[in-house]
Amino acid sequence: MTAPHTTTGGNYKDGSADIFVYPTGIQASGPTEYPHFIRFIAKRSYTSTNSVRGTKNGEVVLYMPPDALKTSYSQSIGDVEMGGFISLANSQGAGAAASSAAEGEGGDAATAVSKALSVLRGNVAGGGGMNIVKDIGSTMVGGALKAVAGTQGGQAVSRATGQILNPHKAVVYQGPGGFRTFSYTFVMVPKSADEAKIIFEIVKFFKRRMHPGTGASGGINNPSSVTLTYPDEFEIKYNVNRKPVDGSDSTKPLFKIHNCFMESFGVDYTTSGLVSFMDDEQPLTTTISMSFKETQLLTKADIDEGY
């Protein structure tokens, strides 16, 4: 990386190479009191032609604040109720047959009881009396209770038998939980008039790059403005001891970040709750808060690359 240079008069045109640095002591190499910093590189997003996408639209280099050293990962894990289907499908003997027959003939409790009695008579005639209790449990609960489950009658049957349908809940993976988000807060106190101008340019840079453009000249309410262009994407790069965090060393912590859109930007010009300005009307303190959302979901391959 070449040493960041400070520009005090940004032109903000697409493809601009302006770099705004705070504090001005941040350097890419050599001794510095700010060895850890973050680079926010604005790039053109989706356009009607692919030739200009990714064009650099300027850069801001800021010290690394404490709230930068955190991220979170999530996955969407749901649960489903299989109901009595599994137990009925896997059960053996006449109980399952009677329950299935009951459902085929209307699924009501009376039919289930009738089928259960038929099964019991068959068991007794065939010398299978030892299966009577099993048949009662699987048929009456699996058929009668299932037939009226969810009704007041079903609740009464549950109370009388002391049993409910096994919900057979299962955990189901539903995909990535969402895009990662990153939030930063920077407190900037200028040490000179020139540094105050740089802070002014940094605020303007982020405000402009996070907003869309119009398809025609003028504001968003211009009748000829039918479409809006995407705002810029931001490439966020961490630098520790002046070295970029690129994920090449799997033994090092921290993480890389895919391109992001800026979701929110806030600026506060008060100083300890007071209104204070320099002689040139620049505020003594400028606090900015930013929130970004990553544009790609992560997979194992991304984790292996240091994200």
C-alpha atoms as a PDB file:
ATOM      1  CA  MET A   1       0.000   0.000   0.000  1.00  0.00           C
ATOM      2  CA  THR A   2       1.313   3.439  -0.840  1.00  0.00           C
ATOM      3  CA  ALA A   3       1.397   6.046   1.896  1.00  0.00           C
ATOM      4  CA  PRO A   4      -2.001   7.730   2.280  1.00  0.00           C
ATOM      5  CA  HIS A   5      -1.960  11.360   1.294  1.00  0.00           C
ATOM      6  CA  THR A   6      -4.210  14.050   2.653  1.00  0.00           C
ATOM      7  CA  THR A   7      -6.452  16.049   0.371  1.00  0.00           C
ATOM      8  CA  THR A   8      -8.210  19.145   1.656  1.00  0.00           C
ATOM      9  CA  GLY A   9     -10.455  19.931  -1.312  1.00  0.00           C
ATOM     10  CA  GLY A  10     -12.379  16.909  -2.552  1.00  0.00           C
ATOM     11  CA  ASN A  11     -13.968  17.109  -5.990  1.00  0.00           C
ATOM     12  CA  TYR A  12     -16.197  14.040  -5.325  1.00  0.00           C
ATOM     13  CA  LYS A  13     -16.500  13.188  -9.010  1.00  0.00           C
ATOM     14  CA  ASP A  14     -16.965   9.563 -10.009  1.00  0.00           C
ATOM     15  CA  GLY A  15     -13.558   7.998 -10.287  1.00  0.00           C
ATOM     16  CA  SER A  16     -12.039  10.490  -7.854  1.00  0.00           C
ATOM     17  CA  ALA A  17      -8.766   9.416  -6.239  1.00  0.00           C
ATOM     18  CA  ASP A  18      -9.059  11.817  -3.294  1.00  0.00           C
ATOM     19  CA  ILE A  19      -7.887  10.390   0.034  1.00  0.00           C
ATOM     20  CA  PHE A  20      -8.859  11.972   3.334  1.00  0.00           C
ATOM     21  CA  VAL A  21      -6.882  10.963   6.401  1.00  0.00           C
ATOM     22  CA  TYR A  22      -7.600  11.487  10.100  1.00  0.00           C
ATOM     23  CA  PRO A  23      -5.573  11.849  12.206  1.00  0.00           C
ATOM     24  CA  THR A  24      -2.931  13.169   9.848  1.00  0.00           C
ATOM     25  CA  GLY A  25      -0.279  11.148  11.710  1.00  0.00           C
ATOM     26  CA  ILE A  26      -1.486   7.903  10.152  1.00  0.00           C
ATOM     27  CA  GLN A  27       1.148   6.596   7.736  1.00  0.00           C
ATOM     28  CA  ALA A  28       1.482   3.396   5.745  1.00  0.00           C
ATOM     29  CA  SER A  29       5.079   2.899   6.819  1.00  0.00           C
ATOM     30  CA  GLY A  30       7.542   4.316   9.298  1.00  0.00           C
ATOM     31  CA  PRO A  31       7.039   5.298  12.969  1.00  0.00           C
ATOM     32  CA  THR A  32       3.573   6.513  13.880  1.00  0.00           C
ATOM     33  CA  GLU A  33       1.371   6.820  16.932  1.00  0.00           C
ATOM     34  CA  TYR A  34      -1.495   5.334  14.915  1.00  0.00           C
ATOM     35  CA  PRO A  35      -0.279   1.934  13.642  1.00  0.00           C
ATOM     36  CA  HIS A  36      -3.817   0.527  13.442  1.00  0.00           C
ATOM     37  CA  PHE A  37      -6.296   2.080  11.043  1.00  0.00           C
ATOM     38  CA  ILE A  38      -9.219   1.369   8.704  1.00  0.00           C
ATOM     39  CA  ARG A  39      -9.478   2.225   5.024  1.00  0.00           C
ATOM     40  CA  PHE A  40     -12.950   2.998   3.634  1.00  0.00           C
ATOM     41  CA  ILE A  41     -12.709   2.821  -0.151  1.00  0.00           C
ATOM     42  CA  ALA A  42     -15.779   3.991  -2.069  1.00  0.00           C
ATOM     43  CA  LYS A  43     -16.480   2.217  -5.361  1.00  0.00           C
ATOM     44  CA  ARG A  44     -19.078   2.579  -8.064  1.00  0.00           C
ATOM     45  CA  SER A  45     -21.904   0.086  -7.675  1.00  0.00           C
ATOM     46  CA  TYR A  46     -24.372  -1.290 -10.266  1.00  0.00           C
ATOM     47  CA  THR A  47     -24.672   0.762 -13.425  1.00  0.00           C
ATOM     48  CA  SER A  48     -26.038   0.314 -16.931  1.00  0.00           C
ATOM     49  CA  THR A  49     -22.544  -0.632 -18.109  1.00  0.00           C
ATOM     50  CA  ASN A  50     -20.142  -2.996 -16.426  1.00  0.00           C
ATOM     51  CA  SER A  51     -17.121  -0.983 -17.512  1.00  0.00           C
ATOM     52  CA  VAL A  52     -17.458   1.544 -14.687  1.00  0.00           C
ATOM     53  CA  ARG A  53     -18.536  -0.742 -11.860  1.00  0.00           C
ATOM     54  CA  GLY A  54     -15.881  -0.924  -9.172  1.00  0.00           C
ATOM     55  CA  THR A  55     -14.282   2.371 -10.188  1.00  0.00           C
ATOM     56  CA  LYS A  56     -12.669   3.945  -7.146  1.00  0.00           C
ATOM     57  CA  ASN A  57     -14.529   6.999  -5.900  1.00  0.00           C
ATOM     58  CA  GLY A  58     -12.141   8.136  -3.229  1.00  0.00           C
ATOM     59  CA  GLU A  59     -10.974   6.866   0.139  1.00  0.00           C
ATOM     60  CA  VAL A  60     -11.047   7.754   3.822  1.00  0.00           C
ATOM     61  CA  VAL A  61      -8.416   6.499   6.258  1.00  0.00           C
ATOM     62  CA  LEU A  62      -9.376   6.651   9.949  1.00  0.00           C
ATOM     63  CA  TYR A  63      -7.860   5.422  13.181  1.00  0.00           C
ATOM     64  CA  MET A  64      -9.196   2.079  14.411  1.00  0.00           C
ATOM     65  CA  PRO A  65     -11.785   2.617  17.174  1.00  0.00           C
ATOM     66  CA  PRO A  66     -12.524  -0.011  19.863  1.00  0.00           C
ATOM     67  CA  ASP A  67     -15.944  -0.858  18.406  1.00  0.00           C
ATOM     68  CA  ALA A  68     -14.326  -1.970  15.130  1.00  0.00           C
ATOM     69  CA  LEU A  69     -12.974  -5.200  16.582  1.00  0.00           C
ATOM     70  CA  LYS A  70     -16.200  -7.189  16.589  1.00  0.00           C
ATOM     71  CA  THR A  71     -18.442  -9.068  14.212  1.00  0.00           C
ATOM     72  CA  SER A  72     -21.140 -11.736  14.445  1.00  0.00           C
ATOM     73  CA  TYR A  73     -22.264 -14.716  12.421  1.00  0.00           C
ATOM     74  CA  SER A  74     -25.739 -16.244  12.328  1.00  0.00           C
ATOM     75  CA  GLN A  75     -27.608 -19.108  10.723  1.00  0.00           C
ATOM     76  CA  SER A  76     -31.355 -19.619  10.425  1.00  0.00           C
ATOM     77  CA  ILE A  77     -32.359 -22.769  12.275  1.00  0.00           C
ATOM     78  CA  GLY A  78     -36.074 -23.579  12.420  1.00  0.00           C
ATOM     79  CA  ASP A  79     -38.152 -26.342  13.952  1.00  0.00           C
ATOM     80  CA  VAL A  80     -41.112 -28.170  12.503  1.00  0.00           C
ATOM     81  CA  GLU A  81     -43.782 -30.409  14.056  1.00  0.00           C
ATOM     82  CA  MET A  82     -44.156 -33.714  12.296  1.00  0.00           C
ATOM     83  CA  GLY A  83     -47.203 -34.439  14.451  1.00  0.00           C
ATOM     84  CA  GLY A  84     -48.447 -38.016  14.793  1.00  0.00           C
ATOM     85  CA  PHE A  85     -47.395 -38.869  11.255  1.00  0.00           C
ATOM     86  CA  ILE A  86     -44.062 -40.408  12.193  1.00  0.00           C
ATOM     87  CA  SER A  87     -45.407 -42.563  15.015  1.00  0.00           C
ATOM     88  CA  LEU A  88     -48.289 -43.795  12.906  1.00  0.00           C
ATOM     89  CA  ALA A  89     -46.110 -44.494   9.890  1.00  0.00           C
ATOM     90  CA  ASN A  90     -43.544 -46.399  11.942  1.00  0.00           C
ATOM     91  CA  SER A  91     -45.894 -48.258  14.306  1.00  0.00           C
ATOM     92  CA  GLN A  92     -46.418 -52.007  13.869  1.00  0.00           C
ATOM     93  CA  GLY A  93     -49.464 -54.248  14.138  1.00  0.00           C
ATOM     94  CA  ALA A  94     -53.180 -53.790  13.934  1.00  0.00           C
ATOM     95  CA  GLY A  95     -53.179 -50.467  15.766  1.00  0.00           C
ATOM     96  CA  ALA A  96     -51.569 -48.659  12.827  1.00  0.00           C
ATOM     97  CA  ALA A  97     -53.861 -50.392  10.342  1.00  0.00           C
ATOM     98  CA  ALA A  98     -56.967 -49.471  12.318  1.00  0.00           C
ATOM     99  CA  SER A  99     -55.878 -45.851  12.687  1.00  0.00           C
ATOM    100  CA  SER A 100     -55.130 -45.590   8.978  1.00  0.00           C
ATOM    101  CA  ALA A 101     -58.487 -47.130   8.095  1.00  0.00           C
ATOM    102  CA  ALA A 102     -60.270 -44.743  10.424  1.00  0.00           C
ATOM    103  CA  GLU A 103     -58.680 -41.743   8.737  1.00  0.00           C
ATOM    104  CA  GLY A 104     -59.661 -43.104   5.319  1.00  0.00           C
ATOM    105  CA  GLU A 105     -63.293 -43.308   6.373  1.00  0.00           C
ATOM    106  CA  GLY A 106     -63.723 -39.851   7.728  1.00  0.00           C
ATOM    107  CA  GLY A 107     -61.171 -39.598  10.503  1.00  0.00           C
ATOM    108  CA  ASP A 108     -63.702 -39.228  13.334  1.00  0.00           C
ATOM    109  CA  ALA A 109     -63.448 -40.700  16.807  1.00  0.00           C
ATOM    110  CA  ALA A 110     -66.463 -43.056  16.401  1.00  0.00           C
ATOM    111  CA  THR A 111     -64.950 -44.663  13.301  1.00  0.00           C
ATOM    112  CA  ALA A 112     -61.642 -45.112  15.073  1.00  0.00           C
ATOM    113  CA  VAL A 113     -63.316 -46.826  18.013  1.00  0.00           C
ATOM    114  CA  SER A 114     -65.257 -49.113  15.664  1.00  0.00           C
ATOM    115  CA  LYS A 115     -62.083 -50.102  13.854  1.00  0.00           C
ATOM    116  CA  ALA A 116     -60.328 -50.657  17.159  1.00  0.00           C
ATOM    117  CA  LEU A 117     -63.060 -53.094  18.280  1.00  0.00           C
ATOM    118  CA  SER A 118     -62.784 -54.984  14.992  1.00  0.00           C
ATOM    119  CA  VAL A 119     -59.062 -55.349  15.476  1.00  0.00           C
ATOM    120  CA  LEU A 120     -59.518 -56.524  19.046  1.00  0.00           C
ATOM    121  CA  ARG A 121     -62.032 -59.161  17.994  1.00  0.00           C
ATOM    122  CA  GLY A 122     -59.600 -60.399  15.377  1.00  0.00           C
ATOM    123  CA  ASN A 123     -56.822 -60.663  17.916  1.00  0.00           C
ATOM    124  CA  VAL A 124     -58.934 -62.620  20.377  1.00  0.00           C
ATOM    125  CA  ALA A 125     -60.141 -65.008  17.660  1.00  0.00           C
ATOM    126  CA  GLY A 126     -56.591 -65.562  16.507  1.00  0.00           C
ATOM    127  CA  GLY A 127     -55.192 -66.128  19.979  1.00  0.00           C
ATOM    128  CA  GLY A 128     -53.464 -62.773  20.073  1.00  0.00           C
ATOM    129  CA  GLY A 129     -54.923 -61.542  23.322  1.00  0.00           C
ATOM    130  CA  MET A 130     -51.523 -60.330  24.472  1.00  0.00           C
ATOM    131  CA  ASN A 131     -51.725 -57.553  21.871  1.00  0.00           C
ATOM    132  CA  ILE A 132     -54.983 -56.092  23.205  1.00  0.00           C
ATOM    133  CA  VAL A 133     -53.354 -53.451  25.391  1.00  0.00           C
ATOM    134  CA  LYS A 134     -50.967 -52.456  22.629  1.00  0.00           C
ATOM    135  CA  ASP A 135     -53.826 -52.200  20.145  1.00  0.00           C
ATOM    136  CA  ILE A 136     -55.870 -50.036  22.493  1.00  0.00           C
ATOM    137  CA  GLY A 137     -52.959 -47.633  23.002  1.00  0.00           C
ATOM    138  CA  SER A 138     -51.933 -47.299  19.388  1.00  0.00           C
ATOM    139  CA  THR A 139     -55.417 -47.352  17.893  1.00  0.00           C
ATOM    140  CA  MET A 140     -57.405 -45.299  20.383  1.00  0.00           C
ATOM    141  CA  VAL A 141     -54.727 -42.683  20.911  1.00  0.00           C
ATOM    142  CA  GLY A 142     -53.302 -42.817  17.404  1.00  0.00           C
ATOM    143  CA  GLY A 143     -56.713 -42.839  15.719  1.00  0.00           C
ATOM    144  CA  ALA A 144     -59.371 -41.336  17.990  1.00  0.00           C
ATOM    145  CA  LEU A 145     -57.141 -38.676  19.487  1.00  0.00           C
ATOM    146  CA  LYS A 146     -55.631 -37.782  16.124  1.00  0.00           C
ATOM    147  CA  ALA A 147     -59.096 -37.523  14.602  1.00  0.00           C
ATOM    148  CA  VAL A 148     -60.224 -34.888  17.098  1.00  0.00           C
ATOM    149  CA  ALA A 149     -56.886 -33.298  17.921  1.00  0.00           C
ATOM    150  CA  GLY A 150     -57.071 -29.527  18.226  1.00  0.00           C
ATOM    151  CA  THR A 151     -60.721 -29.572  19.286  1.00  0.00           C
ATOM    152  CA  GLN A 152     -62.318 -29.509  22.709  1.00  0.00           C
ATOM    153  CA  GLY A 153     -63.110 -33.163  22.187  1.00  0.00           C
ATOM    154  CA  GLY A 154     -59.469 -33.864  21.528  1.00  0.00           C
ATOM    155  CA  GLN A 155     -58.492 -32.155  24.757  1.00  0.00           C
ATOM    156  CA  ALA A 156     -61.038 -34.244  26.615  1.00  0.00           C
ATOM    157  CA  VAL A 157     -59.644 -37.472  25.125  1.00  0.00           C
ATOM    158  CA  SER A 158     -56.115 -36.379  26.091  1.00  0.00           C
ATOM    159  CA  ARG A 159     -57.261 -35.728  29.645  1.00  0.00           C
ATOM    160  CA  ALA A 160     -59.051 -39.059  29.857  1.00  0.00           C
ATOM    161  CA  THR A 161     -56.168 -41.113  28.462  1.00  0.00           C
ATOM    162  CA  GLY A 162     -53.349 -39.099  29.986  1.00  0.00           C
ATOM    163  CA  GLN A 163     -51.640 -38.968  26.606  1.00  0.00           C
ATOM    164  CA  ILE A 164     -51.094 -36.491  23.791  1.00  0.00           C
ATOM    165  CA  LEU A 165     -49.800 -36.911  20.294  1.00  0.00           C
ATOM    166  CA  ASN A 166     -46.026 -36.905  20.099  1.00  0.00           C
ATOM    167  CA  PRO A 167     -45.238 -33.706  18.134  1.00  0.00           C
ATOM    168  CA  HIS A 168     -42.019 -35.252  16.788  1.00  0.00           C
ATOM    169  CA  LYS A 169     -40.333 -31.874  16.461  1.00  0.00           C
ATOM    170  CA  ALA A 170     -37.315 -31.723  14.189  1.00  0.00           C
ATOM    171  CA  VAL A 171     -34.634 -29.094  13.705  1.00  0.00           C
ATOM    172  CA  VAL A 172     -34.399 -27.860  10.118  1.00  0.00           C
ATOM    173  CA  TYR A 173     -31.592 -25.776   8.624  1.00  0.00           C
ATOM    174  CA  GLN A 174     -33.131 -22.887   6.696  1.00  0.00           C
ATOM    175  CA  GLY A 175     -30.039 -21.163   5.319  1.00  0.00           C
ATOM    176  CA  PRO A 176     -27.744 -18.287   6.298  1.00  0.00           C
ATOM    177  CA  GLY A 177     -29.235 -16.056   8.962  1.00  0.00           C
ATOM    178  CA  GLY A 178     -28.529 -12.813   7.158  1.00  0.00           C
ATOM    179  CA  PHE A 179     -25.890 -10.363   6.046  1.00  0.00           C
ATOM    180  CA  ARG A 180     -23.273  -9.242   8.537  1.00  0.00           C
ATOM    181  CA  THR A 181     -23.431  -5.646   9.745  1.00  0.00           C
ATOM    182  CA  PHE A 182     -20.619  -3.422  10.991  1.00  0.00           C
ATOM    183  CA  SER A 183     -20.887  -0.251  13.064  1.00  0.00           C
ATOM    184  CA  TYR A 184     -18.227   2.352  13.820  1.00  0.00           C
ATOM    185  CA  THR A 185     -18.009   5.520  15.879  1.00  0.00           C
ATOM    186  CA  PHE A 186     -15.220   8.050  15.409  1.00  0.00           C
ATOM    187  CA  VAL A 187     -14.568  11.118  17.550  1.00  0.00           C
ATOM    188  CA  MET A 188     -12.542  13.696  15.641  1.00  0.00           C
ATOM    189  CA  VAL A 189     -11.009  16.736  17.339  1.00  0.00           C
ATOM    190  CA  PRO A 190      -8.934  18.870  14.959  1.00  0.00           C
ATOM    191  CA  LYS A 191      -5.502  20.051  16.081  1.00  0.00           C
ATOM    192  CA  SER A 192      -5.322  22.695  13.375  1.00  0.00           C
ATOM    193  CA  ALA A 193      -7.432  24.581  10.879  1.00  0.00           C
ATOM    194  CA  ASP A 194      -6.215  22.274   8.091  1.00  0.00           C
ATOM    195  CA  GLU A 195      -7.271  19.178  10.029  1.00  0.00           C
ATOM    196  CA  ALA A 196     -10.673  20.758  10.653  1.00  0.00           C
ATOM    197  CA  LYS A 197     -11.091  21.087   6.883  1.00  0.00           C
ATOM    198  CA  ILE A 198     -10.161  17.446   6.410  1.00  0.00           C
ATOM    199  CA  ILE A 199     -12.828  16.416   8.932  1.00  0.00           C
ATOM    200  CA  PHE A 200     -15.354  18.504   7.028  1.00  0.00           C
ATOM    201  CA  GLU A 201     -14.405  16.693   3.814  1.00  0.00           C
ATOM    202  CA  ILE A 202     -14.672  13.275   5.505  1.00  0.00           C
ATOM    203  CA  VAL A 203     -18.231  13.974   6.642  1.00  0.00           C
ATOM    204  CA  LYS A 204     -19.226  15.189   3.193  1.00  0.00           C
ATOM    205  CA  PHE A 205     -17.543  12.175   1.573  1.00  0.00           C
ATOM    206  CA  PHE A 206     -19.562   9.613   3.545  1.00  0.00           C
ATOM    207  CA  LYS A 207     -22.844  11.510   3.215  1.00  0.00           C
ATOM    208  CA  ARG A 208     -22.529  11.780  -0.536  1.00  0.00           C
ATOM    209  CA  ARG A 209     -21.312   8.255  -1.210  1.00  0.00           C
ATOM    210  CA  MET A 210     -24.105   6.605   0.780  1.00  0.00           C
ATOM    211  CA  HIS A 211     -26.899   8.282  -1.220  1.00  0.00           C
ATOM    212  CA  PRO A 212     -28.294   7.374  -4.657  1.00  0.00           C
ATOM    213  CA  GLY A 213     -28.110   9.507  -7.736  1.00  0.00           C
ATOM    214  CA  THR A 214     -30.980  10.469 -10.011  1.00  0.00           C
ATOM    215  CA  GLY A 215     -31.487   9.427 -13.606  1.00  0.00           C
ATOM    216  CA  ALA A 216     -31.743  13.065 -14.610  1.00  0.00           C
ATOM    217  CA  SER A 217     -30.444  16.409 -13.430  1.00  0.00           C
ATOM    218  CA  GLY A 218     -32.183  17.931 -10.458  1.00  0.00           C
ATOM    219  CA  GLY A 219     -33.648  16.440  -7.311  1.00  0.00           C
ATOM    220  CA  ILE A 220     -35.515  13.242  -6.656  1.00  0.00           C
ATOM    221  CA  ASN A 221     -38.870  14.975  -7.230  1.00  0.00           C
ATOM    222  CA  ASN A 222     -37.929  16.117 -10.736  1.00  0.00           C
ATOM    223  CA  PRO A 223     -40.641  14.700 -13.094  1.00  0.00           C
ATOM    224  CA  SER A 224     -37.940  13.610 -15.558  1.00  0.00           C
ATOM    225  CA  SER A 225     -36.164  11.591 -12.879  1.00  0.00           C
ATOM    226  CA  VAL A 226     -37.697   8.149 -13.373  1.00  0.00           C
ATOM    227  CA  THR A 227     -34.917   6.044 -11.870  1.00  0.00           C
ATOM    228  CA  LEU A 228     -32.296   6.216  -9.143  1.00  0.00           C
ATOM    229  CA  THR A 229     -28.749   4.946  -9.389  1.00  0.00           C
ATOM    230  CA  TYR A 230     -27.313   2.712  -6.687  1.00  0.00           C
ATOM    231  CA  PRO A 231     -25.183   4.401  -4.030  1.00  0.00           C
ATOM    232  CA  ASP A 232     -21.519   3.504  -3.794  1.00  0.00           C
ATOM    233  CA  GLU A 233     -20.293   0.302  -2.232  1.00  0.00           C
ATOM    234  CA  PHE A 234     -17.572   0.501   0.405  1.00  0.00           C
ATOM    235  CA  GLU A 235     -14.527  -1.705   0.602  1.00  0.00           C
ATOM    236  CA  ILE A 236     -13.516  -1.807   4.264  1.00  0.00           C
ATOM    237  CA  LYS A 237      -9.942  -2.853   4.978  1.00  0.00           C
ATOM    238  CA  TYR A 238      -8.397  -3.284   8.426  1.00  0.00           C
ATOM    239  CA  ASN A 239      -4.713  -2.559   8.921  1.00  0.00           C
ATOM    240  CA  VAL A 240      -2.887  -3.788  12.036  1.00  0.00           C
ATOM    241  CA  ASN A 241       0.646  -2.558  12.665  1.00  0.00           C
ATOM    242  CA  ARG A 242       0.366  -0.949   9.230  1.00  0.00           C
ATOM    243  CA  LYS A 243      -0.175  -4.358   7.617  1.00  0.00           C
ATOM    244  CA  PRO A 244      -3.490  -5.167   5.853  1.00  0.00           C
ATOM    245  CA  VAL A 245      -5.664  -7.927   7.298  1.00  0.00           C
ATOM    246  CA  ASP A 246      -5.979 -10.113   4.213  1.00  0.00           C
ATOM    247  CA  GLY A 247      -6.701 -13.540   5.716  1.00  0.00           C
ATOM    248  CA  SER A 248      -3.516 -15.033   4.274  1.00  0.00           C
ATOM    249  CA  ASP A 249      -2.299 -16.056   7.725  1.00  0.00           C
ATOM    250  CA  SER A 250      -4.810 -18.409   9.304  1.00  0.00           C
ATOM    251  CA  THR A 251      -3.142 -18.039  12.717  1.00  0.00           C
ATOM    252  CA  LYS A 252      -4.007 -14.326  12.936  1.00  0.00           C
ATOM    253  CA  PRO A 253      -7.352 -13.130  14.362  1.00  0.00           C
ATOM    254  CA  LEU A 254      -9.633 -10.380  13.026  1.00  0.00           C
ATOM    255  CA  PHE A 255     -11.574 -10.770   9.810  1.00  0.00           C
ATOM    256  CA  LYS A 256     -11.994  -9.498   6.293  1.00  0.00           C
ATOM    257  CA  ILE A 257     -15.161  -7.823   5.050  1.00  0.00           C
ATOM    258  CA  HIS A 258     -16.885  -8.114   1.686  1.00  0.00           C
ATOM    259  CA  ASN A 259     -18.066  -4.941  -0.017  1.00  0.00           C
ATOM    260  CA  CYS A 260     -20.764  -3.139   1.955  1.00  0.00           C
ATOM    261  CA  PHE A 261     -23.530  -0.597   1.531  1.00  0.00           C
ATOM    262  CA  MET A 262     -23.778   2.101   4.184  1.00  0.00           C
ATOM    263  CA  GLU A 263     -27.120   1.756   5.979  1.00  0.00           C
ATOM    264  CA  SER A 264     -26.903   4.786   8.240  1.00  0.00           C
ATOM    265  CA  PHE A 265     -24.702   7.756   8.988  1.00  0.00           C
ATOM    266  CA  GLY A 266     -24.963  10.135  11.923  1.00  0.00           C
ATOM    267  CA  VAL A 267     -22.968  13.228  12.797  1.00  0.00           C
ATOM    268  CA  ASP A 268     -22.818  15.130  16.106  1.00  0.00           C
ATOM    269  CA  TYR A 269     -21.037  18.497  16.348  1.00  0.00           C
ATOM    270  CA  THR A 270     -21.417  19.082  20.077  1.00  0.00           C
ATOM    271  CA  THR A 271     -18.487  18.980  22.494  1.00  0.00           C
ATOM    272  CA  SER A 272     -19.353  17.309  25.810  1.00  0.00           C
ATOM    273  CA  GLY A 273     -22.924  18.490  25.360  1.00  0.00           C
ATOM    274  CA  LEU A 274     -21.845  22.061  24.596  1.00  0.00           C
ATOM    275  CA  VAL A 275     -21.832  24.063  21.375  1.00  0.00           C
ATOM    276  CA  SER A 276     -18.219  25.068  20.697  1.00  0.00           C
ATOM    277  CA  PHE A 277     -16.572  26.370  17.524  1.00  0.00           C
ATOM    278  CA  MET A 278     -13.149  27.429  16.345  1.00  0.00           C
ATOM    279  CA  ASP A 279     -12.458  30.935  15.076  1.00  0.00           C
ATOM    280  CA  ASP A 280     -13.238  29.863  11.510  1.00  0.00           C
ATOM    281  CA  GLU A 281     -16.633  28.453  12.652  1.00  0.00           C
ATOM    282  CA  GLN A 282     -15.504  24.836  12.401  1.00  0.00           C
ATOM    283  CA  PRO A 283     -16.800  22.715  15.339  1.00  0.00           C
ATOM    284  CA  LEU A 284     -14.312  21.736  18.021  1.00  0.00           C
ATOM    285  CA  THR A 285     -15.557  18.127  17.985  1.00  0.00           C
ATOM    286  CA  THR A 286     -17.120  16.046  15.235  1.00  0.00           C
ATOM    287  CA  THR A 287     -18.475  12.593  16.106  1.00  0.00           C
ATOM    288  CA  ILE A 288     -19.627  10.344  13.291  1.00  0.00           C
ATOM    289  CA  SER A 289     -21.485   7.030  13.589  1.00  0.00           C
ATOM    290  CA  MET A 290     -21.772   4.665  10.639  1.00  0.00           C
ATOM    291  CA  SER A 291     -23.460   1.339  10.001  1.00  0.00           C
ATOM    292  CA  PHE A 292     -22.639  -0.916   7.029  1.00  0.00           C
ATOM    293  CA  LYS A 293     -24.247  -4.087   5.653  1.00  0.00           C
ATOM    294  CA  GLU A 294     -22.218  -6.677   3.777  1.00  0.00           C
ATOM    295  CA  THR A 295     -23.370  -7.482   0.243  1.00  0.00           C
ATOM    296  CA  GLN A 296     -22.596 -11.230   0.306  1.00  0.00           C
ATOM    297  CA  LEU A 297     -23.643 -14.144   2.477  1.00  0.00           C
ATOM    298  CA  LEU A 298     -20.865 -16.298   3.877  1.00  0.00           C
ATOM    299  CA  THR A 299     -20.040 -19.948   3.305  1.00  0.00           C
ATOM    300  CA  LYS A 300     -17.280 -22.255   4.525  1.00  0.00           C
ATOM    301  CA  ALA A 301     -15.116 -21.071   1.617  1.00  0.00           C
ATOM    302  CA  ASP A 302     -15.354 -17.458   2.865  1.00  0.00           C
ATOM    303  CA  ILE A 303     -14.390 -18.488   6.399  1.00  0.00           C
ATOM    304  CA  ASP A 304     -11.368 -20.324   5.002  1.00  0.00           C
ATOM    305  CA  GLU A 305     -10.346 -17.052   3.315  1.00  0.00           C
ATOM    306  CA  GLY A 306     -10.451 -15.079   6.538  1.00  0.00           C
ATOM    307  CA  TYR A 307     -13.945 -13.532   6.591  1.00  0.00           C
END
